[in-house]
Each structure stands twice: as C-alpha cells, then as structure tokens.
C-alpha atoms as a PDB file:
ATOM      1  CA  UNK A   1      79.977  88.732 147.701  1.00  0.00           C
ATOM      2  CA  UNK A   2      79.855  84.986 147.435  1.00  0.00           C
ATOM      3  CA  UNK A   3      78.606  82.363 145.045  1.00  0.00           C
ATOM      4  CA  UNK A   4      74.807  82.250 144.825  1.00  0.00           C
ATOM      5  CA  UNK A   5      74.690  78.843 143.121  1.00  0.00           C
ATOM      6  CA  UNK A   6      76.650  75.630 143.335  1.00  0.00           C
ATOM      7  CA  UNK A   7      75.645  74.618 139.805  1.00  0.00           C
ATOM      8  CA  UNK A   8      74.784  76.434 136.591  1.00  0.00           C
ATOM      9  CA  UNK A   9      72.822  74.139 134.262  1.00  0.00           C
ATOM     10  CA  UNK A  10      73.934  74.844 130.693  1.00  0.00           C
ATOM     11  CA  UNK A  11      71.770  73.198 128.055  1.00  0.00           C
ATOM     12  CA  UNK A  12      69.934  73.930 124.815  1.00  0.00           C
ATOM     13  CA  UNK A  13      66.231  74.568 125.357  1.00  0.00           C
ATOM     14  CA  UNK A  14      64.920  71.579 123.461  1.00  0.00           C
ATOM     15  CA  UNK A  15      61.658  69.990 124.692  1.00  0.00           C
ATOM     16  CA  UNK A  16      63.252  66.553 125.110  1.00  0.00           C
ATOM     17  CA  UNK A  17      66.123  68.021 127.151  1.00  0.00           C
ATOM     18  CA  UNK A  18      63.826  70.113 129.346  1.00  0.00           C
ATOM     19  CA  UNK A  19      61.593  67.089 130.023  1.00  0.00           C
ATOM     20  CA  UNK A  20      64.627  64.956 130.881  1.00  0.00           C
ATOM     21  CA  UNK A  21      66.015  67.648 133.198  1.00  0.00           C
ATOM     22  CA  UNK A  22      62.704  67.689 135.070  1.00  0.00           C
ATOM     23  CA  UNK A  23      63.376  64.058 136.028  1.00  0.00           C
ATOM     24  CA  UNK A  24      67.146  64.334 136.388  1.00  0.00           C
ATOM     25  CA  UNK A  25      67.509  67.528 138.426  1.00  0.00           C
ATOM     26  CA  UNK A  26      65.656  66.507 141.636  1.00  0.00           C
ATOM     27  CA  UNK A  27      67.580  63.231 141.883  1.00  0.00           C
ATOM     28  CA  UNK A  28      70.900  64.885 141.049  1.00  0.00           C
ATOM     29  CA  UNK A  29      70.247  67.656 143.570  1.00  0.00           C
ATOM     30  CA  UNK A  30      69.577  65.160 146.377  1.00  0.00           C
ATOM     31  CA  UNK A  31      72.788  63.221 145.737  1.00  0.00           C
ATOM     32  CA  UNK A  32      74.822  66.395 145.254  1.00  0.00           C
ATOM     33  CA  UNK A  33      73.566  67.674 148.606  1.00  0.00           C
ATOM     34  CA  UNK A  34      74.776  64.495 150.336  1.00  0.00           C
ATOM     35  CA  UNK A  35      78.162  64.636 148.593  1.00  0.00           C
ATOM     36  CA  UNK A  36      78.672  68.315 149.483  1.00  0.00           C
ATOM     37  CA  UNK A  37      77.667  67.739 153.097  1.00  0.00           C
ATOM     38  CA  UNK A  38      80.170  64.867 153.278  1.00  0.00           C
ATOM     39  CA  UNK A  39      82.848  67.316 152.092  1.00  0.00           C
ATOM     40  CA  UNK A  40      81.774  69.954 154.657  1.00  0.00           C
ATOM     41  CA  UNK A  41      80.929  72.416 151.887  1.00  0.00           C
ATOM     42  CA  UNK A  42      78.960  75.363 153.297  1.00  0.00           C
ATOM     43  CA  UNK A  43      75.367  75.210 152.078  1.00  0.00           C
ATOM     44  CA  UNK A  44      72.738  77.852 152.721  1.00  0.00           C
ATOM     45  CA  UNK A  45      69.760  76.214 154.485  1.00  0.00           C
ATOM     46  CA  UNK A  46      71.154  72.750 153.669  1.00  0.00           C
ATOM     47  CA  UNK A  47      70.076  73.165 150.023  1.00  0.00           C
ATOM     48  CA  UNK A  48      71.937  72.806 146.765  1.00  0.00           C
ATOM     49  CA  UNK A  49      71.386  75.932 144.711  1.00  0.00           C
ATOM     50  CA  UNK A  50      71.101  75.139 141.002  1.00  0.00           C
ATOM     51  CA  UNK A  51      70.535  77.861 138.433  1.00  0.00           C
ATOM     52  CA  UNK A  52      68.368  76.910 135.499  1.00  0.00           C
ATOM     53  CA  UNK A  53      67.225  79.444 132.927  1.00  0.00           C
ATOM     54  CA  UNK A  54      63.543  78.740 133.583  1.00  0.00           C
ATOM     55  CA  UNK A  55      64.059  80.666 136.845  1.00  0.00           C
ATOM     56  CA  UNK A  56      64.282  83.913 134.851  1.00  0.00           C
ATOM     57  CA  UNK A  57      61.101  85.880 135.431  1.00  0.00           C
ATOM     58  CA  UNK A  58      59.082  87.645 132.756  1.00  0.00           C
ATOM     59  CA  UNK A  59      60.382  91.136 132.108  1.00  0.00           C
ATOM     60  CA  UNK A  60      63.928  90.437 133.324  1.00  0.00           C
ATOM     61  CA  UNK A  61      66.902  91.196 131.061  1.00  0.00           C
ATOM     62  CA  UNK A  62      67.639  87.516 130.428  1.00  0.00           C
ATOM     63  CA  UNK A  63      71.128  87.927 128.870  1.00  0.00           C
ATOM     64  CA  UNK A  64      72.199  89.906 131.954  1.00  0.00           C
ATOM     65  CA  UNK A  65      70.582  87.378 134.320  1.00  0.00           C
ATOM     66  CA  UNK A  66      72.366  84.501 132.542  1.00  0.00           C
ATOM     67  CA  UNK A  67      75.751  86.269 132.701  1.00  0.00           C
ATOM     68  CA  UNK A  68      75.311  87.059 136.396  1.00  0.00           C
ATOM     69  CA  UNK A  69      74.137  83.549 137.223  1.00  0.00           C
ATOM     70  CA  UNK A  70      77.121  82.040 135.393  1.00  0.00           C
ATOM     71  CA  UNK A  71      79.477  84.395 137.227  1.00  0.00           C
ATOM     72  CA  UNK A  72      77.783  83.544 140.533  1.00  0.00           C
ATOM     73  CA  UNK A  73      77.960  79.730 140.103  1.00  0.00           C
ATOM     74  CA  UNK A  74      80.758  77.480 141.344  1.00  0.00           C
ATOM     75  CA  UNK A  75      80.671  75.274 138.269  1.00  0.00           C
ATOM     76  CA  UNK A  76      78.625  74.321 135.226  1.00  0.00           C
ATOM     77  CA  UNK A  77      76.883  71.092 134.339  1.00  0.00           C
ATOM     78  CA  UNK A  78      76.763  71.160 130.522  1.00  0.00           C
ATOM     79  CA  UNK A  79      74.191  68.883 128.875  1.00  0.00           C
ATOM     80  CA  UNK A  80      75.747  68.107 125.488  1.00  0.00           C
ATOM     81  CA  UNK A  81      74.107  67.253 122.199  1.00  0.00           C
ATOM     82  CA  UNK A  82      74.586  68.743 118.719  1.00  0.00           C
ATOM     83  CA  UNK A  83      72.258  71.674 119.402  1.00  0.00           C
ATOM     84  CA  UNK A  84      74.475  72.680 122.357  1.00  0.00           C
ATOM     85  CA  UNK A  85      77.353  73.654 120.079  1.00  0.00           C
ATOM     86  CA  UNK A  86      74.919  75.281 117.656  1.00  0.00           C
ATOM     87  CA  UNK A  87      73.601  77.600 120.373  1.00  0.00           C
ATOM     88  CA  UNK A  88      75.566  80.850 120.784  1.00  0.00           C
ATOM     89  CA  UNK A  89      74.238  81.128 124.342  1.00  0.00           C
ATOM     90  CA  UNK A  90      75.449  77.647 125.291  1.00  0.00           C
ATOM     91  CA  UNK A  91      78.855  78.385 123.752  1.00  0.00           C
ATOM     92  CA  UNK A  92      79.081  81.626 125.773  1.00  0.00           C
ATOM     93  CA  UNK A  93      78.139  79.760 128.957  1.00  0.00           C
ATOM     94  CA  UNK A  94      80.830  77.151 128.250  1.00  0.00           C
ATOM     95  CA  UNK A  95      83.386  79.875 127.565  1.00  0.00           C
ATOM     96  CA  UNK A  96      82.495  81.682 130.798  1.00  0.00           C
ATOM     97  CA  UNK A  97      83.419  78.633 132.863  1.00  0.00           C
ATOM     98  CA  UNK A  98      86.406  77.749 130.661  1.00  0.00           C
ATOM     99  CA  UNK A  99      87.862  81.202 131.397  1.00  0.00           C
ATOM    100  CA  UNK A 100      87.926  80.354 135.107  1.00  0.00           C
ATOM    101  CA  UNK A 101      89.211  76.831 134.557  1.00  0.00           C
ATOM    102  CA  UNK A 102      88.085  73.922 132.403  1.00  0.00           C
ATOM    103  CA  UNK A 103      87.836  71.778 135.533  1.00  0.00           C
ATOM    104  CA  UNK A 104      84.764  73.861 136.430  1.00  0.00           C
ATOM    105  CA  UNK A 105      82.771  72.363 133.547  1.00  0.00           C
ATOM    106  CA  UNK A 106      81.169  68.959 133.990  1.00  0.00           C
ATOM    107  CA  UNK A 107      80.224  67.795 130.479  1.00  0.00           C
ATOM    108  CA  UNK A 108      77.342  65.309 130.322  1.00  0.00           C
ATOM    109  CA  UNK A 109      76.614  63.474 127.083  1.00  0.00           C
ATOM    110  CA  UNK A 110      72.931  63.550 126.246  1.00  0.00           C
ATOM    111  CA  UNK A 111      73.399  62.603 122.583  1.00  0.00           C
ATOM    112  CA  UNK A 112      76.083  62.442 119.884  1.00  0.00           C
ATOM    113  CA  UNK A 113      79.101  64.400 121.063  1.00  0.00           C
ATOM    114  CA  UNK A 114      81.858  61.885 120.393  1.00  0.00           C
ATOM    115  CA  UNK A 115      84.126  64.391 118.634  1.00  0.00           C
ATOM    116  CA  UNK A 116      84.681  66.539 121.724  1.00  0.00           C
ATOM    117  CA  UNK A 117      88.095  66.501 123.368  1.00  0.00           C
ATOM    118  CA  UNK A 118      86.899  66.640 126.970  1.00  0.00           C
ATOM    119  CA  UNK A 119      86.259  63.623 129.139  1.00  0.00           C
ATOM    120  CA  UNK A 120      82.474  63.363 129.161  1.00  0.00           C
ATOM    121  CA  UNK A 121      80.139  61.736 131.661  1.00  0.00           C
ATOM    122  CA  UNK A 122      77.858  59.653 129.435  1.00  0.00           C
ATOM    123  CA  UNK A 123      74.155  59.573 130.298  1.00  0.00           C
ATOM    124  CA  UNK A 124      73.003  59.098 126.698  1.00  0.00           C
ATOM    125  CA  UNK A 125      71.631  55.621 127.454  1.00  0.00           C
ATOM    126  CA  UNK A 126      69.269  57.195 129.991  1.00  0.00           C
ATOM    127  CA  UNK A 127      67.669  60.043 128.031  1.00  0.00           C
ATOM    128  CA  UNK A 128      64.255  58.369 128.118  1.00  0.00           C
ATOM    129  CA  UNK A 129      64.499  57.231 131.727  1.00  0.00           C
ATOM    130  CA  UNK A 130      61.820  58.213 134.193  1.00  0.00           C
ATOM    131  CA  UNK A 131      61.001  56.786 137.590  1.00  0.00           C
ATOM    132  CA  UNK A 132      59.449  53.365 137.295  1.00  0.00           C
ATOM    133  CA  UNK A 133      61.101  52.386 134.003  1.00  0.00           C
ATOM    134  CA  UNK A 134      63.279  49.242 133.867  1.00  0.00           C
ATOM    135  CA  UNK A 135      66.599  51.122 133.781  1.00  0.00           C
ATOM    136  CA  UNK A 136      65.730  53.538 136.617  1.00  0.00           C
ATOM    137  CA  UNK A 137      68.101  51.826 139.096  1.00  0.00           C
ATOM    138  CA  UNK A 138      71.012  52.063 136.651  1.00  0.00           C
ATOM    139  CA  UNK A 139      70.166  55.710 135.956  1.00  0.00           C
ATOM    140  CA  UNK A 140      69.935  56.411 139.686  1.00  0.00           C
ATOM    141  CA  UNK A 141      73.395  54.908 140.254  1.00  0.00           C
ATOM    142  CA  UNK A 142      74.876  56.891 137.359  1.00  0.00           C
ATOM    143  CA  UNK A 143      73.413  60.129 138.742  1.00  0.00           C
ATOM    144  CA  UNK A 144      74.869  59.297 142.151  1.00  0.00           C
ATOM    145  CA  UNK A 145      78.324  58.880 140.573  1.00  0.00           C
ATOM    146  CA  UNK A 146      77.910  62.113 138.613  1.00  0.00           C
ATOM    147  CA  UNK A 147      76.968  63.940 141.833  1.00  0.00           C
ATOM    148  CA  UNK A 148      80.155  62.719 143.525  1.00  0.00           C
ATOM    149  CA  UNK A 149      82.250  63.896 140.583  1.00  0.00           C
ATOM    150  CA  UNK A 150      80.434  67.255 140.442  1.00  0.00           C
ATOM    151  CA  UNK A 151      80.824  67.831 144.188  1.00  0.00           C
ATOM    152  CA  UNK A 152      84.600  67.655 143.708  1.00  0.00           C
ATOM    153  CA  UNK A 153      84.323  70.407 141.090  1.00  0.00           C
ATOM    154  CA  UNK A 154      82.140  72.568 143.346  1.00  0.00           C
ATOM    155  CA  UNK A 155      84.509  72.419 146.310  1.00  0.00           C
ATOM    156  CA  UNK A 156      87.526  73.161 144.106  1.00  0.00           C
ATOM    157  CA  UNK A 157      85.997  76.293 142.560  1.00  0.00           C
ATOM    158  CA  UNK A 158      88.222  79.349 142.884  1.00  0.00           C
ATOM    159  CA  UNK A 159      87.250  82.032 145.389  1.00  0.00           C
ATOM    160  CA  UNK A 160      84.521  84.367 144.251  1.00  0.00           C
ATOM    161  CA  UNK A 161      86.081  87.357 142.445  1.00  0.00           C
ATOM    162  CA  UNK A 162      86.817  90.437 144.497  1.00  0.00           C
ATOM    163  CA  UNK A 163      85.513  92.435 141.530  1.00  0.00           C
ATOM    164  CA  UNK A 164      82.243  90.752 140.480  1.00  0.00           C
ATOM    165  CA  UNK A 165      82.245  92.878 137.316  1.00  0.00           C
ATOM    166  CA  UNK A 166      85.567  91.437 136.192  1.00  0.00           C
ATOM    167  CA  UNK A 167      85.284  90.638 132.495  1.00  0.00           C
ATOM    168  CA  UNK A 168      87.718  87.777 132.937  1.00  0.00           C
ATOM    169  CA  UNK A 169      84.950  85.891 134.741  1.00  0.00           C
ATOM    170  CA  UNK A 170      82.203  86.236 132.144  1.00  0.00           C
ATOM    171  CA  UNK A 171      82.432  85.564 128.411  1.00  0.00           C
ATOM    172  CA  UNK A 172      81.070  88.683 126.767  1.00  0.00           C
ATOM    173  CA  UNK A 173      81.757  87.506 123.235  1.00  0.00           C
ATOM    174  CA  UNK A 174      80.125  84.388 121.895  1.00  0.00           C
ATOM    175  CA  UNK A 175      82.821  82.042 120.592  1.00  0.00           C
ATOM    176  CA  UNK A 176      82.611  80.222 117.273  1.00  0.00           C
ATOM    177  CA  UNK A 177      81.413  76.606 117.405  1.00  0.00           C
ATOM    178  CA  UNK A 178      84.083  73.917 117.797  1.00  0.00           C
ATOM    179  CA  UNK A 179      85.788  72.845 114.586  1.00  0.00           C
ATOM    180  CA  UNK A 180      83.875  70.213 112.702  1.00  0.00           C
ATOM    181  CA  UNK A 181      80.492  71.229 114.089  1.00  0.00           C
ATOM    182  CA  UNK A 182      78.120  72.891 111.634  1.00  0.00           C
ATOM    183  CA  UNK A 183      76.259  75.935 112.874  1.00  0.00           C
ATOM    184  CA  UNK A 184      72.552  75.253 112.673  1.00  0.00           C
ATOM    185  CA  UNK A 185      70.375  78.103 111.576  1.00  0.00           C
ATOM    186  CA  UNK A 186      67.553  77.022 113.881  1.00  0.00           C
ATOM    187  CA  UNK A 187      66.476  79.391 116.597  1.00  0.00           C
ATOM    188  CA  UNK A 188      67.623  77.998 119.930  1.00  0.00           C
END
C-alpha cells in the first residue's frame, strides 16, 4: 500500500470555513503541485490529492472513511479556530497525525488560536478574501508560501505503514480539548 493523499484537510464544518476553503483549496493545490514537482515528489497523474470530508458519499461509514483517509494521508493541514478544539472529530484527526510526528501537522490560523503552543501559519487576515478583492495578491502570496512549507512536510512523511491497520497510526480515542479551551456543547 501507499499513501492515497498528500494532504488531509482537518477543519470544523462551519459555513464560513467551508466557503473559505472553496476559495483557498484550488489556489493552494496549484502551488502545492508546483512545489512537490520541484522536489521530485511522485504524484499520480501530476495531481495533488487532497482529502476533504465532503468527498464522503452518502451511505458510507463516515467515521471509518475519516480514519482511513487520515491514515492514508502524508500530512494534515489543520484550519484552526475555537470550534476546532471543541470538535471531538478535529481533535482525533490532530491526534492521528501527532502520533506519527507533530511535524506532519501544518496548523493554519483562521481565527483566535493564540494560546496554542505550535508555530502557526497565520491566514486570519484573509478569511474574507476571494478573487478580485483588494487583498487577493497578498493572500495569493501567503498561500504560495504555505504551499512551500507544506510540501516540505509532505516529502518528509514517514513511509506508509507495513500494517495499515496499525493502531499507532490512527487515533481511536478522542482526546480531551487542550487546557484552557472550553468544550462547546454545539453540534459540530
């Protein structure tokens, strides 16, 4: 077996985040492709494979699909805001990649996550950016830089496990939220 995805997008399913990802992901994917090609990373059909939970089809066992997609991804791009830490699914996704190595998580600040210990790539100034807006060029350049940083994480991913069912590669238990973060009772 081999990795099926270069990137696992980990994010809370909030309408504003989903809308932003619809603008962000195509641009990020294009720059990530160029960065990976420059590093001679093997790509199937010259495409960057990004897993996003909206790819799960009706009737599929979505917790199983998420676990398998996380296991089968080189690294995670985590879109951080307070509802990320409040989501047990997001915490499990984070833990899955942390088990394999914290360098496999690329944290991206969407909003208000100053109390985290990790170095975070800050895109919070661009959460309302769409093509044609005044700060599009700045956003574009930031995404290009993020793609370069992420490509380094992709190429440094450990080899795919010889036992794809290895529990050490997938967080089965959902960890508690980080200290200092209240657990929201909202359905995520």
